[in-house]
N, C-alpha and C. Protein backbone atom coordinates (compact mmCIF):
# COMPACT_ATOMS: atom_id res chain seq x y z
N MET A 1 0.83 -1.18 0.00
CA MET A 1 0.00 0.00 0.00
C MET A 1 0.88 1.24 0.00
N LYS A 2 0.48 2.21 -0.80
CA LYS A 2 1.24 3.46 -0.86
C LYS A 2 0.34 4.62 -0.49
N GLN A 3 0.95 5.62 0.14
CA GLN A 3 0.22 6.79 0.59
C GLN A 3 1.15 7.99 0.45
N VAL A 4 0.62 9.13 0.06
CA VAL A 4 1.41 10.35 -0.06
C VAL A 4 1.11 11.23 1.13
N GLY A 5 2.17 11.78 1.73
CA GLY A 5 1.99 12.64 2.89
C GLY A 5 3.09 13.67 3.01
N ILE A 6 2.98 14.49 4.03
CA ILE A 6 3.96 15.55 4.29
C ILE A 6 4.58 15.32 5.66
N VAL A 7 5.91 15.38 5.72
CA VAL A 7 6.62 15.19 6.99
C VAL A 7 6.39 16.43 7.85
N VAL A 8 5.91 16.21 9.08
CA VAL A 8 5.66 17.33 10.00
C VAL A 8 6.60 17.33 11.20
N GLU A 9 7.28 16.20 11.44
CA GLU A 9 8.18 16.13 12.58
C GLU A 9 9.16 14.98 12.39
N ASN A 10 10.41 15.19 12.80
CA ASN A 10 11.43 14.14 12.77
C ASN A 10 11.87 13.83 14.19
N PHE A 11 12.08 12.55 14.48
CA PHE A 11 12.64 12.14 15.76
C PHE A 11 13.29 10.78 15.59
N ASP A 12 14.45 10.62 16.18
CA ASP A 12 15.24 9.39 16.04
C ASP A 12 15.37 9.04 14.56
N ASP A 13 15.04 7.81 14.19
CA ASP A 13 15.08 7.39 12.78
C ASP A 13 13.68 7.37 12.18
N ASN A 14 12.74 8.02 12.82
CA ASN A 14 11.35 8.02 12.38
C ASN A 14 10.88 9.43 12.06
N ALA A 15 9.73 9.52 11.42
CA ALA A 15 9.13 10.81 11.11
C ALA A 15 7.63 10.71 11.31
N LYS A 16 7.04 11.82 11.72
CA LYS A 16 5.59 11.91 11.81
C LYS A 16 5.11 12.51 10.49
N VAL A 17 4.21 11.80 9.81
CA VAL A 17 3.76 12.20 8.48
C VAL A 17 2.26 12.46 8.52
N GLN A 18 1.86 13.57 7.90
CA GLN A 18 0.45 13.94 7.82
C GLN A 18 -0.05 13.58 6.42
N PHE A 19 -1.24 12.98 6.36
CA PHE A 19 -1.84 12.67 5.06
C PHE A 19 -3.35 12.80 5.15
N LYS A 20 -3.99 12.96 4.00
CA LYS A 20 -5.45 13.06 3.97
C LYS A 20 -6.03 11.67 3.85
N ARG A 21 -6.99 11.38 4.70
CA ARG A 21 -7.68 10.09 4.63
C ARG A 21 -8.57 10.08 3.40
N ALA A 22 -8.62 8.93 2.75
CA ALA A 22 -9.50 8.78 1.59
C ALA A 22 -10.95 8.77 2.07
N SER A 23 -11.81 9.38 1.28
CA SER A 23 -13.23 9.40 1.65
C SER A 23 -13.91 8.13 1.18
N ALA A 24 -15.02 7.81 1.82
CA ALA A 24 -15.77 6.61 1.48
C ALA A 24 -16.47 6.72 0.13
N CYS A 25 -16.70 7.95 -0.32
CA CYS A 25 -17.44 8.14 -1.57
C CYS A 25 -16.52 8.20 -2.78
N GLY A 26 -15.24 7.95 -2.60
CA GLY A 26 -14.32 7.97 -3.74
C GLY A 26 -14.03 9.37 -4.24
N GLU A 27 -13.94 10.33 -3.32
CA GLU A 27 -13.65 11.73 -3.63
C GLU A 27 -14.76 12.41 -4.43
N ASN A 28 -15.95 11.83 -4.46
CA ASN A 28 -17.10 12.45 -5.11
C ASN A 28 -18.05 12.93 -4.01
N CYS A 29 -17.58 13.87 -3.21
CA CYS A 29 -18.29 14.27 -2.00
C CYS A 29 -19.63 14.94 -2.29
N ALA A 30 -19.81 15.52 -3.47
CA ALA A 30 -21.08 16.15 -3.80
C ALA A 30 -22.20 15.11 -3.85
N MET A 31 -21.87 13.88 -4.19
CA MET A 31 -22.88 12.83 -4.27
C MET A 31 -23.36 12.38 -2.89
N CYS A 32 -22.44 12.18 -1.96
CA CYS A 32 -22.85 11.67 -0.66
C CYS A 32 -23.23 12.79 0.29
N GLY A 33 -22.65 13.97 0.11
CA GLY A 33 -23.03 15.14 0.88
C GLY A 33 -22.62 15.13 2.34
N GLY A 34 -21.82 14.20 2.77
CA GLY A 34 -21.51 14.17 4.19
C GLY A 34 -20.05 13.99 4.53
N CYS A 35 -19.17 14.12 3.60
CA CYS A 35 -17.75 13.84 3.87
C CYS A 35 -17.07 14.97 4.62
N GLU A 36 -16.24 14.58 5.52
CA GLU A 36 -15.29 15.49 6.14
C GLU A 36 -13.92 14.99 5.75
N LYS A 37 -13.14 15.83 5.12
CA LYS A 37 -11.79 15.41 4.77
C LYS A 37 -10.88 15.71 5.95
N LEU A 38 -10.56 14.68 6.69
CA LEU A 38 -9.74 14.83 7.88
C LEU A 38 -8.30 14.44 7.59
N ASN A 39 -7.40 15.14 8.24
CA ASN A 39 -6.00 14.78 8.14
C ASN A 39 -5.69 13.75 9.21
N SER A 40 -4.86 12.79 8.84
CA SER A 40 -4.41 11.77 9.78
C SER A 40 -2.90 11.86 9.89
N PHE A 41 -2.38 11.33 10.98
CA PHE A 41 -0.95 11.32 11.20
C PHE A 41 -0.50 9.89 11.43
N VAL A 42 0.71 9.58 10.98
CA VAL A 42 1.28 8.26 11.18
C VAL A 42 2.78 8.42 11.41
N VAL A 43 3.32 7.55 12.23
CA VAL A 43 4.76 7.50 12.43
C VAL A 43 5.32 6.50 11.44
N ALA A 44 6.39 6.89 10.73
CA ALA A 44 6.98 6.04 9.71
C ALA A 44 8.50 6.02 9.86
N LYS A 45 9.09 4.92 9.38
CA LYS A 45 10.55 4.82 9.36
C LYS A 45 11.07 5.79 8.30
N ASN A 46 12.02 6.62 8.69
CA ASN A 46 12.56 7.64 7.79
C ASN A 46 13.92 7.20 7.27
N LYS A 47 13.93 6.24 6.35
CA LYS A 47 15.18 5.69 5.83
C LYS A 47 15.88 6.62 4.84
N ILE A 48 15.15 7.59 4.29
CA ILE A 48 15.76 8.46 3.27
C ILE A 48 16.10 9.84 3.84
N SER A 49 15.99 10.01 5.15
CA SER A 49 16.29 11.27 5.83
C SER A 49 15.47 12.43 5.29
N ALA A 50 14.18 12.23 5.15
CA ALA A 50 13.29 13.30 4.69
C ALA A 50 13.22 14.38 5.77
N GLU A 51 13.15 15.62 5.32
CA GLU A 51 13.10 16.75 6.24
C GLU A 51 11.66 17.21 6.43
N VAL A 52 11.43 18.00 7.48
CA VAL A 52 10.12 18.56 7.75
C VAL A 52 9.68 19.40 6.54
N GLY A 53 8.46 19.18 6.09
CA GLY A 53 7.92 19.91 4.93
C GLY A 53 8.03 19.14 3.62
N ASP A 54 8.83 18.07 3.58
CA ASP A 54 8.96 17.27 2.36
C ASP A 54 7.69 16.46 2.12
N THR A 55 7.28 16.41 0.86
CA THR A 55 6.19 15.52 0.47
C THR A 55 6.81 14.18 0.13
N VAL A 56 6.30 13.13 0.74
CA VAL A 56 6.92 11.81 0.62
C VAL A 56 5.89 10.74 0.30
N ILE A 57 6.39 9.60 -0.14
CA ILE A 57 5.55 8.42 -0.37
C ILE A 57 5.86 7.41 0.72
N LEU A 58 4.80 6.99 1.42
CA LEU A 58 4.91 5.95 2.45
C LEU A 58 4.49 4.63 1.84
N GLU A 59 5.16 3.58 2.24
CA GLU A 59 4.80 2.26 1.74
C GLU A 59 4.67 1.30 2.92
N THR A 60 3.62 0.50 2.87
CA THR A 60 3.38 -0.53 3.88
C THR A 60 3.19 -1.85 3.17
N ASP A 61 3.76 -2.91 3.71
CA ASP A 61 3.62 -4.23 3.12
C ASP A 61 2.15 -4.65 3.18
N THR A 62 1.55 -4.90 2.03
CA THR A 62 0.13 -5.24 1.95
C THR A 62 -0.19 -6.51 2.71
N LYS A 63 0.69 -7.50 2.66
CA LYS A 63 0.46 -8.75 3.39
C LYS A 63 0.34 -8.50 4.89
N ARG A 64 1.17 -7.62 5.41
CA ARG A 64 1.12 -7.32 6.84
C ARG A 64 -0.15 -6.57 7.22
N VAL A 65 -0.60 -5.68 6.35
CA VAL A 65 -1.84 -4.95 6.61
C VAL A 65 -3.02 -5.92 6.63
N LEU A 66 -3.06 -6.84 5.68
CA LEU A 66 -4.15 -7.81 5.63
C LEU A 66 -4.10 -8.76 6.82
N LEU A 67 -2.90 -9.16 7.23
CA LEU A 67 -2.76 -10.03 8.40
C LEU A 67 -3.24 -9.31 9.66
N ALA A 68 -2.87 -8.04 9.80
CA ALA A 68 -3.32 -7.26 10.96
C ALA A 68 -4.84 -7.11 10.95
N ALA A 69 -5.41 -6.86 9.78
CA ALA A 69 -6.87 -6.74 9.67
C ALA A 69 -7.55 -8.05 10.06
N PHE A 70 -6.96 -9.18 9.68
CA PHE A 70 -7.51 -10.49 10.05
C PHE A 70 -7.54 -10.64 11.57
N PHE A 71 -6.43 -10.31 12.24
CA PHE A 71 -6.36 -10.46 13.69
C PHE A 71 -7.29 -9.49 14.43
N VAL A 72 -7.55 -8.33 13.85
CA VAL A 72 -8.38 -7.34 14.54
C VAL A 72 -9.86 -7.52 14.24
N TYR A 73 -10.21 -7.94 13.01
CA TYR A 73 -11.62 -8.00 12.64
C TYR A 73 -12.18 -9.42 12.54
N ILE A 74 -11.47 -10.31 11.90
CA ILE A 74 -12.02 -11.63 11.59
C ILE A 74 -11.85 -12.62 12.74
N LEU A 75 -10.65 -12.75 13.28
CA LEU A 75 -10.37 -13.72 14.33
C LEU A 75 -11.28 -13.56 15.56
N PRO A 76 -11.50 -12.33 16.06
CA PRO A 76 -12.42 -12.20 17.20
C PRO A 76 -13.83 -12.70 16.88
N LEU A 77 -14.30 -12.44 15.68
CA LEU A 77 -15.64 -12.93 15.30
C LEU A 77 -15.69 -14.45 15.27
N ILE A 78 -14.68 -15.05 14.65
CA ILE A 78 -14.64 -16.52 14.57
C ILE A 78 -14.61 -17.13 15.97
N LEU A 79 -13.71 -16.63 16.81
CA LEU A 79 -13.60 -17.17 18.17
C LEU A 79 -14.87 -16.92 18.99
N GLY A 80 -15.44 -15.74 18.85
CA GLY A 80 -16.66 -15.42 19.58
C GLY A 80 -17.82 -16.30 19.17
N ILE A 81 -18.01 -16.49 17.87
CA ILE A 81 -19.11 -17.32 17.38
C ILE A 81 -18.91 -18.78 17.77
N CYS A 82 -17.69 -19.29 17.59
CA CYS A 82 -17.42 -20.69 17.96
C CYS A 82 -17.58 -20.89 19.47
N GLY A 83 -17.06 -19.96 20.26
CA GLY A 83 -17.20 -20.07 21.71
C GLY A 83 -18.64 -20.02 22.14
N PHE A 84 -19.43 -19.16 21.53
CA PHE A 84 -20.85 -19.06 21.86
C PHE A 84 -21.60 -20.33 21.47
N ALA A 85 -21.29 -20.86 20.27
CA ALA A 85 -21.99 -22.05 19.79
C ALA A 85 -21.64 -23.30 20.62
N ILE A 86 -20.40 -23.39 21.05
CA ILE A 86 -19.96 -24.59 21.76
C ILE A 86 -20.18 -24.48 23.27
N PHE A 87 -19.81 -23.34 23.85
CA PHE A 87 -19.81 -23.23 25.31
C PHE A 87 -20.89 -22.32 25.89
N GLY A 88 -21.38 -21.38 25.13
CA GLY A 88 -22.39 -20.46 25.65
C GLY A 88 -21.93 -19.02 25.59
N ALA A 89 -22.80 -18.13 26.09
CA ALA A 89 -22.59 -16.70 25.94
C ALA A 89 -21.36 -16.18 26.69
N ILE A 90 -21.14 -16.64 27.90
CA ILE A 90 -20.02 -16.12 28.70
C ILE A 90 -18.69 -16.49 28.07
N ILE A 91 -18.49 -17.76 27.75
CA ILE A 91 -17.24 -18.19 27.13
C ILE A 91 -17.08 -17.58 25.74
N GLY A 92 -18.17 -17.46 25.00
CA GLY A 92 -18.13 -16.83 23.68
C GLY A 92 -17.64 -15.39 23.75
N THR A 93 -18.14 -14.67 24.76
CA THR A 93 -17.71 -13.28 24.95
C THR A 93 -16.24 -13.21 25.33
N VAL A 94 -15.81 -14.09 26.22
CA VAL A 94 -14.40 -14.13 26.62
C VAL A 94 -13.52 -14.44 25.42
N MET A 95 -13.93 -15.44 24.63
CA MET A 95 -13.13 -15.80 23.45
C MET A 95 -13.10 -14.69 22.42
N PHE A 96 -14.15 -13.88 22.34
CA PHE A 96 -14.17 -12.74 21.43
C PHE A 96 -13.07 -11.75 21.80
N PHE A 97 -12.83 -11.53 23.10
CA PHE A 97 -11.86 -10.53 23.54
C PHE A 97 -10.43 -11.05 23.64
N VAL A 98 -10.21 -12.36 23.57
CA VAL A 98 -8.86 -12.92 23.68
C VAL A 98 -7.88 -12.33 22.65
N PRO A 99 -8.21 -12.24 21.36
CA PRO A 99 -7.25 -11.67 20.41
C PRO A 99 -6.87 -10.22 20.73
N PHE A 100 -7.82 -9.43 21.25
CA PHE A 100 -7.52 -8.05 21.60
C PHE A 100 -6.55 -7.98 22.78
N ILE A 101 -6.72 -8.86 23.73
CA ILE A 101 -5.82 -8.90 24.89
C ILE A 101 -4.42 -9.31 24.45
N VAL A 102 -4.33 -10.31 23.59
CA VAL A 102 -3.02 -10.76 23.08
C VAL A 102 -2.35 -9.63 22.29
N LEU A 103 -3.10 -8.96 21.42
CA LEU A 103 -2.53 -7.85 20.64
C LEU A 103 -2.08 -6.71 21.55
N PHE A 104 -2.83 -6.44 22.60
CA PHE A 104 -2.43 -5.40 23.55
C PHE A 104 -1.10 -5.75 24.22
N LEU A 105 -0.93 -7.03 24.57
CA LEU A 105 0.28 -7.46 25.26
C LEU A 105 1.51 -7.47 24.37
N VAL A 106 1.34 -7.76 23.08
CA VAL A 106 2.50 -7.83 22.18
C VAL A 106 2.61 -6.61 21.27
N ASN A 107 1.86 -5.56 21.56
CA ASN A 107 1.80 -4.38 20.71
C ASN A 107 3.17 -3.74 20.48
N LYS A 108 3.97 -3.57 21.50
CA LYS A 108 5.27 -2.90 21.35
C LYS A 108 6.20 -3.65 20.40
N ARG A 109 6.17 -4.98 20.44
CA ARG A 109 7.03 -5.77 19.54
C ARG A 109 6.52 -5.69 18.11
N LEU A 110 5.21 -5.71 17.93
CA LEU A 110 4.63 -5.68 16.59
C LEU A 110 4.69 -4.29 15.96
N GLU A 111 4.68 -3.27 16.81
CA GLU A 111 4.65 -1.90 16.33
C GLU A 111 5.84 -1.61 15.40
N VAL A 112 7.00 -2.10 15.73
CA VAL A 112 8.20 -1.85 14.92
C VAL A 112 8.09 -2.53 13.56
N LYS A 113 7.55 -3.74 13.52
CA LYS A 113 7.42 -4.48 12.26
C LYS A 113 6.41 -3.84 11.31
N TYR A 114 5.37 -3.25 11.86
CA TYR A 114 4.25 -2.77 11.05
C TYR A 114 4.31 -1.29 10.71
N LEU A 115 5.40 -0.61 11.08
CA LEU A 115 5.53 0.80 10.73
C LEU A 115 5.67 0.95 9.22
N PRO A 116 4.99 1.95 8.64
CA PRO A 116 5.22 2.22 7.22
C PRO A 116 6.63 2.79 7.03
N VAL A 117 7.12 2.74 5.80
CA VAL A 117 8.46 3.21 5.48
C VAL A 117 8.36 4.33 4.46
N ILE A 118 9.11 5.41 4.69
CA ILE A 118 9.19 6.47 3.69
C ILE A 118 10.14 5.99 2.60
N VAL A 119 9.64 5.82 1.38
CA VAL A 119 10.46 5.24 0.32
C VAL A 119 11.08 6.28 -0.61
N ARG A 120 10.41 7.43 -0.78
CA ARG A 120 11.01 8.47 -1.62
C ARG A 120 10.29 9.79 -1.46
N LYS A 121 10.96 10.85 -1.88
CA LYS A 121 10.38 12.18 -1.85
C LYS A 121 9.65 12.43 -3.17
N VAL A 122 8.61 13.25 -3.09
CA VAL A 122 7.87 13.66 -4.28
C VAL A 122 8.24 15.11 -4.55
N LYS A 123 8.50 15.43 -5.78
CA LYS A 123 8.90 16.82 -6.12
C LYS A 123 7.71 17.66 -6.45
């Protein structure tokens, strides 16, 4: 996945990058009438030494994004439904929250692997 953004802050070997979130209507806001174009911020590895104010391209490994989405969205549903069907409501609810607890505990280790990388500057 690629995203274009502007470097707003540098620290250590990372940079804070601002980018515009894509709208749900595909940038045809007149049709849906309800879009707010909000800016988002992300911390990225700054391997090219981009300076504050540079427009850059961020890249994230698509496989890792899909794997993270699976663990956050799909796995809790599967565990919750299976737990509910086999053991009942209480165990189903507990099993629904297990992936979130595990992700919370290993977040610091995973955070480094899943950071986007600044791959180049845009002129």
